[in-house]
Protein backbone atom coordinates (compact mmCIF):
# COMPACT_ATOMS: atom_id res chain seq x y z
CA MET A 1 15.89 1.96 -40.40
CA ASN A 2 12.56 3.03 -38.95
CA GLU A 3 12.12 2.88 -35.33
CA LEU A 4 10.84 -0.36 -33.89
CA LYS A 5 7.15 -0.58 -33.32
CA PHE A 6 5.33 -2.38 -30.27
CA ALA A 7 1.99 -4.17 -30.49
CA TYR A 8 0.13 -6.36 -27.83
CA TRP A 9 -2.31 -9.19 -28.24
CA VAL A 10 -5.87 -7.99 -26.99
CA PRO A 11 -7.05 -10.69 -24.66
CA ASN A 12 -10.58 -10.64 -26.07
CA VAL A 13 -11.09 -14.25 -25.45
CA SER A 14 -11.17 -15.94 -22.11
CA GLY A 15 -8.31 -18.05 -20.68
CA GLY A 16 -5.62 -15.46 -21.23
CA LEU A 17 -2.74 -15.84 -23.81
CA VAL A 18 -1.39 -19.19 -22.46
CA VAL A 19 -3.22 -22.58 -22.29
CA SER A 20 -2.43 -23.03 -18.59
CA LYS A 21 -4.36 -23.47 -15.35
CA LEU A 22 -1.77 -21.31 -13.54
CA PRO A 23 -3.89 -18.20 -12.20
CA GLN A 24 -3.59 -15.16 -14.66
CA GLU A 25 -4.37 -11.61 -13.79
CA THR A 26 -5.94 -11.03 -17.17
CA ASP A 27 -9.70 -10.57 -18.23
CA TRP A 28 -11.34 -10.93 -21.49
CA THR A 29 -14.31 -8.33 -20.77
CA PHE A 30 -14.78 -4.89 -22.48
CA GLU A 31 -14.07 -3.01 -19.40
CA ALA A 32 -10.80 -4.92 -18.81
CA ASN A 33 -9.77 -4.36 -22.42
CA LYS A 34 -10.53 -0.68 -22.36
CA ARG A 35 -8.24 -0.45 -19.34
CA TYR A 36 -5.45 -2.38 -21.02
CA ALA A 37 -5.87 -0.38 -24.25
CA GLN A 38 -5.49 2.87 -22.41
CA ILE A 39 -2.36 1.61 -20.33
CA ALA A 40 -0.74 0.40 -23.71
CA GLU A 41 -1.36 3.74 -25.39
CA ASP A 42 -0.02 5.65 -22.46
CA SER A 43 3.02 3.12 -22.25
CA GLY A 44 4.47 3.52 -25.67
CA PHE A 45 2.73 0.73 -27.59
CA ASP A 46 1.74 1.45 -31.30
CA PHE A 47 -0.70 -1.30 -32.05
CA ALA A 48 -3.22 -3.62 -30.56
CA LEU A 49 -4.07 -6.93 -32.40
CA LEU A 50 -7.52 -8.15 -31.75
CA GLN A 51 -7.93 -11.92 -32.14
CA THR A 52 -10.82 -13.34 -34.32
CA ARG A 53 -12.46 -16.28 -32.77
CA PHE A 54 -16.17 -17.30 -32.88
CA PHE A 55 -16.39 -20.71 -31.14
CA ALA A 56 -14.69 -21.84 -27.88
CA SER A 57 -11.22 -23.48 -28.58
CA TYR A 58 -8.14 -24.43 -26.45
CA GLY A 59 -10.17 -23.35 -23.23
CA ALA A 60 -11.20 -20.05 -24.68
CA GLU A 61 -14.77 -20.35 -23.72
CA TYR A 62 -16.04 -16.68 -24.39
CA GLN A 63 -14.97 -14.40 -27.10
CA LEU A 64 -15.69 -10.88 -27.97
CA GLU A 65 -15.78 -10.35 -31.73
CA ALA A 66 -12.70 -8.48 -33.04
CA ALA A 67 -14.34 -5.64 -35.38
CA THR A 68 -16.90 -4.79 -32.87
CA LEU A 69 -14.52 -4.58 -30.13
CA ALA A 70 -12.00 -2.47 -32.41
CA ALA A 71 -14.77 0.15 -32.85
CA ALA A 72 -15.43 0.19 -29.21
CA LEU A 73 -11.74 0.69 -28.18
CA ALA A 74 -11.58 3.30 -30.94
CA SER A 75 -14.03 5.39 -29.08
CA VAL A 76 -11.84 5.30 -25.77
CA THR A 77 -8.33 5.67 -27.05
CA LYS A 78 -6.65 8.67 -29.09
CA LYS A 79 -3.46 7.18 -30.53
CA ILE A 80 -2.98 3.43 -30.63
CA ASN A 81 -3.65 1.57 -34.02
CA LEU A 82 -6.12 -1.17 -33.94
CA ILE A 83 -5.67 -4.26 -35.89
CA SER A 84 -8.60 -6.34 -36.37
CA ALA A 85 -8.26 -9.84 -37.41
CA VAL A 86 -10.70 -11.22 -40.01
CA HIS A 87 -11.55 -14.86 -41.39
CA PRO A 88 -12.10 -14.77 -45.16
CA GLY A 89 -15.07 -17.13 -45.72
CA LEU A 90 -16.82 -15.87 -42.66
CA TRP A 91 -16.95 -12.19 -43.89
CA HIS A 92 -17.56 -10.88 -47.27
CA PRO A 93 -14.73 -8.57 -48.48
CA GLY A 94 -17.09 -5.74 -49.64
CA VAL A 95 -18.91 -5.66 -46.37
CA TYR A 96 -15.69 -5.90 -44.41
CA ALA A 97 -13.99 -3.09 -46.57
CA LYS A 98 -17.04 -0.86 -45.70
CA MET A 99 -16.81 -1.68 -41.93
CA MET A 100 -13.17 -0.77 -41.75
CA ALA A 101 -13.46 2.33 -43.81
CA THR A 102 -16.12 3.56 -41.62
CA LEU A 103 -13.91 2.68 -38.44
CA ASP A 104 -10.91 4.36 -40.09
CA ASN A 105 -12.90 7.50 -40.56
CA ILE A 106 -14.35 7.41 -36.98
CA SER A 107 -10.84 6.69 -35.28
CA GLY A 108 -8.93 9.28 -37.41
CA GLY A 109 -6.98 6.91 -39.32
CA ARG A 110 -6.11 3.99 -36.70
CA VAL A 111 -7.34 0.86 -38.46
CA ALA A 112 -5.48 -2.15 -39.79
CA ILE A 113 -6.56 -5.62 -40.53
CA ASN A 114 -4.83 -8.95 -40.06
CA VAL A 115 -6.12 -11.55 -42.62
CA VAL A 116 -6.12 -14.95 -41.13
CA SER A 117 -6.74 -17.85 -43.63
CA GLY A 118 -8.04 -20.07 -40.83
CA TRP A 119 -7.31 -23.25 -38.98
CA PHE A 120 -10.28 -23.99 -36.89
CA LYS A 121 -12.48 -26.32 -39.10
CA GLY A 122 -15.22 -26.19 -36.73
CA GLU A 123 -15.96 -22.38 -37.04
CA PHE A 124 -16.58 -22.71 -40.75
CA THR A 125 -18.46 -26.08 -40.66
CA GLY A 126 -20.53 -24.96 -37.52
CA TYR A 127 -21.69 -21.82 -39.63
CA GLY A 128 -22.42 -23.90 -42.72
CA GLU A 129 -19.43 -22.67 -44.66
CA PRO A 130 -17.19 -24.80 -46.79
CA TRP A 131 -13.87 -25.91 -45.29
CA LEU A 132 -11.22 -25.40 -47.97
CA GLU A 133 -7.86 -27.31 -48.44
CA HIS A 134 -4.93 -25.56 -46.97
CA ASP A 135 -3.57 -23.74 -49.97
CA GLU A 136 -7.16 -22.99 -51.21
CA ARG A 137 -7.63 -20.99 -48.11
CA TYR A 138 -4.81 -18.95 -48.97
CA ARG A 139 -5.87 -18.46 -52.37
CA ARG A 140 -9.19 -17.06 -51.19
CA SER A 141 -7.52 -14.82 -48.57
CA GLU A 142 -5.36 -13.40 -51.59
CA GLU A 143 -8.63 -12.63 -53.44
CA PHE A 144 -10.11 -11.10 -50.30
CA ILE A 145 -7.31 -8.63 -49.75
CA SER A 146 -7.45 -7.74 -53.63
CA VAL A 147 -10.84 -6.88 -53.30
CA ILE A 148 -10.56 -4.89 -50.11
CA ARG A 149 -7.46 -2.95 -51.46
CA SER A 150 -9.33 -2.16 -54.71
CA LEU A 151 -12.54 -0.87 -52.86
CA TRP A 152 -10.18 1.15 -50.62
CA THR A 153 -8.46 2.77 -53.41
CA GLU A 154 -10.47 2.66 -56.63
CA GLU A 155 -13.42 4.76 -57.61
CA GLU A 156 -15.41 1.66 -58.48
CA THR A 157 -14.40 -2.17 -58.25
CA THR A 158 -15.02 -4.92 -60.60
CA PHE A 159 -13.44 -8.26 -59.69
CA LYS A 160 -14.01 -11.85 -61.07
CA GLY A 161 -12.19 -14.42 -59.09
CA ASP A 162 -12.73 -18.19 -58.10
CA PHE A 163 -14.22 -17.07 -54.73
CA TYR A 164 -15.61 -13.47 -55.02
CA ARG A 165 -17.47 -11.57 -57.78
CA ILE A 166 -17.68 -7.67 -57.51
CA ASN A 167 -19.82 -5.72 -60.17
CA GLY A 168 -19.12 -2.07 -60.51
CA ALA A 169 -19.14 -1.42 -56.48
CA PRO A 170 -18.25 1.80 -55.15
CA LEU A 171 -17.08 2.55 -51.48
CA LYS A 172 -17.43 5.99 -50.07
CA PRO A 173 -16.17 7.40 -47.88
CA LYS A 174 -12.69 6.07 -48.56
CA PRO A 175 -10.41 5.31 -45.58
CA VAL A 176 -8.59 8.19 -44.04
CA GLN A 177 -5.30 6.50 -44.27
CA LYS A 178 -3.60 6.73 -47.87
CA PRO A 179 -3.20 4.81 -50.00
CA SER A 180 -5.25 2.58 -47.61
CA PRO A 181 -4.90 0.99 -44.10
CA PRO A 182 -2.06 -1.47 -43.57
CA ILE A 183 -2.89 -5.12 -44.07
CA PHE A 184 -1.18 -7.70 -41.81
CA GLN A 185 -0.94 -11.52 -42.53
CA GLY A 186 0.87 -14.50 -41.13
CA GLY A 187 1.63 -18.04 -41.91
CA ASN A 188 4.63 -20.15 -42.22
CA SER A 189 3.76 -22.14 -45.31
CA LYS A 190 5.00 -21.65 -48.85
CA ALA A 191 1.52 -20.57 -49.92
CA ALA A 192 1.36 -18.09 -46.94
CA LYS A 193 4.75 -16.53 -47.79
CA GLU A 194 3.92 -16.28 -51.58
CA MET A 195 0.77 -14.63 -50.81
CA ALA A 196 2.37 -12.07 -48.38
CA ALA A 197 4.88 -11.25 -51.03
CA ARG A 198 2.17 -10.42 -53.59
CA VAL A 199 -0.59 -8.47 -51.61
CA SER A 200 0.24 -7.85 -47.90
CA ASP A 201 2.00 -4.96 -46.24
CA TRP A 202 3.17 -6.65 -43.11
CA TYR A 203 4.26 -10.22 -42.53
CA PHE A 204 3.40 -11.95 -38.98
CA MET A 205 5.75 -14.46 -37.75
CA ASN A 206 4.90 -16.81 -34.78
CA GLY A 207 7.71 -17.10 -32.16
CA ASN A 208 10.94 -18.44 -33.38
CA THR A 209 14.69 -18.76 -32.73
CA THR A 210 17.05 -16.33 -34.17
CA GLU A 211 17.89 -18.61 -37.05
CA GLY A 212 14.15 -19.27 -37.70
CA PHE A 213 13.24 -15.39 -37.94
CA LYS A 214 16.37 -14.79 -40.13
CA ASN A 215 15.37 -17.52 -42.50
CA GLN A 216 11.57 -16.38 -42.78
CA ILE A 217 12.70 -12.83 -43.51
CA GLU A 218 15.13 -13.70 -46.22
CA GLU A 219 12.73 -15.99 -47.84
CA VAL A 220 9.77 -13.55 -47.77
CA LYS A 221 11.93 -10.56 -48.85
CA ALA A 222 13.36 -12.50 -51.79
CA LEU A 223 9.83 -13.40 -52.83
CA ALA A 224 8.71 -10.00 -52.55
CA GLU A 225 11.46 -8.57 -54.52
CA LYS A 226 10.33 -10.70 -57.35
CA GLU A 227 7.03 -9.03 -57.35
CA GLY A 228 8.74 -5.54 -56.99
CA ARG A 229 7.46 -4.98 -53.50
CA THR A 230 8.78 -4.57 -49.99
CA LEU A 231 7.22 -5.74 -46.75
CA LYS A 232 7.60 -5.07 -43.14
CA TYR A 233 7.94 -7.82 -40.56
CA ALA A 234 6.33 -8.50 -37.14
CA ALA A 235 7.65 -11.17 -34.61
CA ASN A 236 5.47 -12.66 -31.91
CA GLY A 237 6.85 -13.12 -28.38
CA PHE A 238 5.64 -13.94 -25.14
CA VAL A 239 6.84 -11.54 -22.48
CA ILE A 240 8.08 -12.40 -18.89
CA VAL A 241 10.13 -9.68 -17.33
CA ARG A 242 11.07 -9.95 -13.64
CA ASP A 243 13.77 -8.63 -11.36
CA THR A 244 16.09 -11.52 -12.04
CA GLU A 245 16.41 -14.14 -14.99
CA GLU A 246 15.81 -16.87 -12.38
CA GLU A 247 12.38 -15.50 -11.42
CA ALA A 248 11.38 -15.09 -15.07
CA VAL A 249 12.51 -18.61 -16.08
CA GLN A 250 10.59 -19.88 -12.90
CA VAL A 251 7.43 -18.26 -14.14
CA LEU A 252 7.89 -19.99 -17.44
CA ARG A 253 8.26 -23.36 -15.56
CA ASP A 254 5.22 -22.77 -13.66
CA ILE A 255 3.12 -21.98 -16.76
CA VAL A 256 4.38 -24.98 -18.51
CA SER A 257 4.05 -27.44 -15.50
CA LYS A 258 0.30 -26.20 -14.93
CA ALA A 259 -0.51 -26.27 -18.65
CA ASP A 260 -4.10 -27.45 -19.44
CA VAL A 261 -2.95 -30.65 -21.11
CA GLU A 262 -6.36 -31.67 -22.66
CA ALA A 263 -6.64 -28.11 -24.29
CA VAL A 264 -3.16 -27.96 -25.45
CA GLU A 265 -3.40 -31.47 -26.90
CA GLY A 266 -6.76 -30.57 -28.64
CA PHE A 267 -5.32 -27.38 -30.13
CA GLY A 268 -2.47 -29.47 -31.31
CA GLU A 269 -5.03 -31.73 -33.00
CA ALA A 270 -6.83 -28.86 -34.50
CA VAL A 271 -3.87 -26.89 -35.98
CA LYS A 272 -3.00 -29.97 -37.89
CA GLU A 273 -5.42 -28.40 -40.39
CA ALA A 274 -2.86 -25.66 -40.78
CA GLY A 275 0.70 -26.13 -41.30
CA GLN A 276 0.90 -29.88 -41.05
CA SER A 277 -1.73 -30.08 -43.86
CA SER A 278 0.32 -27.80 -46.31
CA LYS A 279 1.98 -29.74 -49.08
CA GLU A 280 5.42 -29.16 -47.82
CA LYS A 281 4.48 -29.77 -44.11
CA GLU A 282 6.33 -26.83 -43.20
CA GLY A 283 3.37 -24.28 -42.30
CA MET A 284 2.25 -22.85 -39.04
CA TRP A 285 2.61 -25.12 -35.98
CA ALA A 286 4.02 -27.93 -38.10
CA ASN A 287 7.15 -28.26 -35.94
CA SER A 288 5.77 -27.02 -32.60
CA THR A 289 6.36 -29.04 -29.35
CA PHE A 290 3.87 -29.39 -26.53
CA GLU A 291 5.71 -26.56 -24.63
CA ASP A 292 5.54 -24.21 -27.73
CA LEU A 293 1.76 -24.83 -27.99
CA VAL A 294 1.07 -23.81 -24.36
CA GLN A 295 1.39 -20.22 -25.89
CA TYR A 296 -0.52 -20.88 -28.89
CA ASN A 297 1.55 -18.70 -31.17
CA ASP A 298 4.80 -20.22 -30.15
CA GLY A 299 5.67 -17.02 -28.12
CA PHE A 300 8.20 -18.79 -25.72
CA LYS A 301 10.63 -19.60 -28.65
CA THR A 302 11.39 -15.89 -29.21
CA GLY A 303 13.12 -15.45 -25.89
CA LEU A 304 11.66 -12.39 -24.24
CA ILE A 305 12.14 -13.86 -20.94
CA GLY A 306 14.53 -12.44 -18.32
CA THR A 307 15.22 -9.01 -16.73
CA ALA A 308 14.06 -5.61 -18.57
CA GLU A 309 17.80 -5.30 -19.94
CA GLN A 310 18.05 -8.77 -21.13
CA VAL A 311 14.61 -8.57 -22.89
CA ALA A 312 15.50 -5.19 -24.47
CA ASP A 313 18.80 -6.65 -25.69
CA ARG A 314 16.91 -9.64 -27.42
CA ILE A 315 14.55 -7.25 -29.09
CA ILE A 316 17.44 -5.12 -30.43
CA GLU A 317 18.78 -8.44 -31.80
CA LEU A 318 15.52 -9.04 -33.49
CA LYS A 319 15.59 -5.67 -35.02
CA GLN A 320 18.85 -6.17 -36.42
CA LEU A 321 17.56 -9.36 -38.09
CA GLY A 322 15.07 -7.12 -39.83
CA VAL A 323 12.05 -7.15 -37.33
CA ASP A 324 10.02 -4.08 -37.68
CA LEU A 325 7.33 -4.64 -35.00
CA ILE A 326 7.39 -6.95 -31.69
CA LEU A 327 4.00 -8.35 -30.81
CA THR A 328 3.83 -9.15 -27.17
CA ALA A 329 1.58 -11.25 -24.91
CA PHE A 330 1.63 -11.40 -21.01
CA LEU A 331 0.69 -13.61 -18.26
CA HIS A 332 -0.62 -10.85 -16.00
CA TYR A 333 -2.09 -8.10 -18.26
CA GLU A 334 -2.94 -6.18 -15.18
CA ASN A 335 0.53 -5.28 -14.42
CA ASP A 336 2.77 -6.80 -16.97
CA LEU A 337 1.59 -4.61 -19.74
CA LYS A 338 2.31 -1.48 -17.91
CA ASP A 339 5.68 -2.88 -16.67
CA PHE A 340 6.82 -3.73 -20.36
CA GLY A 341 5.73 -0.09 -21.45
CA GLU A 342 7.51 1.55 -18.60
CA LYS A 343 10.80 -0.67 -18.11
CA VAL A 344 11.44 -2.34 -21.59
CA ILE A 345 10.25 0.08 -24.42
CA PRO A 346 12.38 2.99 -22.94
CA LEU A 347 15.44 0.82 -22.81
CA VAL A 348 14.90 -0.43 -26.40
CA LYS A 349 14.49 3.33 -27.57
CA GLU A 350 17.68 4.10 -25.85
CA LYS A 351 19.71 1.46 -27.28
CA GLU A 352 18.19 2.02 -30.62
CA ALA A 353 19.37 5.67 -30.49
CA ARG A 354 22.75 4.74 -29.25
CA LEU A 355 23.34 2.02 -31.82
CA LYS A 356 22.22 4.42 -34.62
CA GLU A 357 24.77 7.01 -33.45
CA GLU A 358 27.41 4.29 -33.70
CA GLY A 359 26.25 3.52 -37.17
CA VAL A 360 25.35 -0.10 -36.17
CA LEU A 361 21.66 0.55 -37.14
CA VAL A 362 21.29 2.47 -40.26
């Protein structure tokens, strides 16, 4: 079994990673994100995930565009891998493939992409782009990935799909990473899972319970096996590490009690265009409560709240379920990011090594 990897959400939108009026020591500016990336790199994180957002939503009034910021962060870091989220429909796959190949060369092979099929209708209609039905958005995303992967790996690409036409297009230079930079993708719906099984390298999961993660991994793994493929799995979790469990739980209570009710409810209405609009009504956020949506990727559900020891034990439990990467978010990035790197990541690595020696992790 591979060593567990760690990622963090880059706070490249204002408002932090919880929709709460509780004061947060988290800033969205480039200077702040430069500092966070360097702290994360020095603290044992492997990946940084940059959100894609163009219009204000759930209180996120200001946004730094993901690909542009990824390029800027690549210039001030040396090791950390940068995952740039991207919306098919707002980017052309040929143009985006060229941008990411360029950035992969500049960064020395540290680029990945997270293909996000989209839930925020206003961004598409605001830019004059058609808003597709739920499963159609995933069909477009699958074509988007197919075009990008072909451009990254083939001498010349010709593609005739329902959404994209590529006619003998070359791409040089190719990315540094071989066969290509990794492609991440999330989504809880049947359409998302089937798409991941066919074309993605990593499957992102929103926060969930032990049983929820177990069921998702087993389902996607079975779908991928039918395609003759294997995927890696990443789990989202909001982290609150304090000296005692009581302190950590109180921070969670404070976040929820001071939730921006209007913004949370607005987000809840907006994401009905996601999971609740899927045919089986089981996609992203379909069963999320008000409290779940205060951390807009259900991060509280994962249970990374407590002492460093408790959080490390929970992460090991997730690894034993088949999780390959933990995607973290924090209340106070200024301190919590570093604390996690210094207190939790070393504990996880110690526990991994010990369990491997005992034959529990193989």
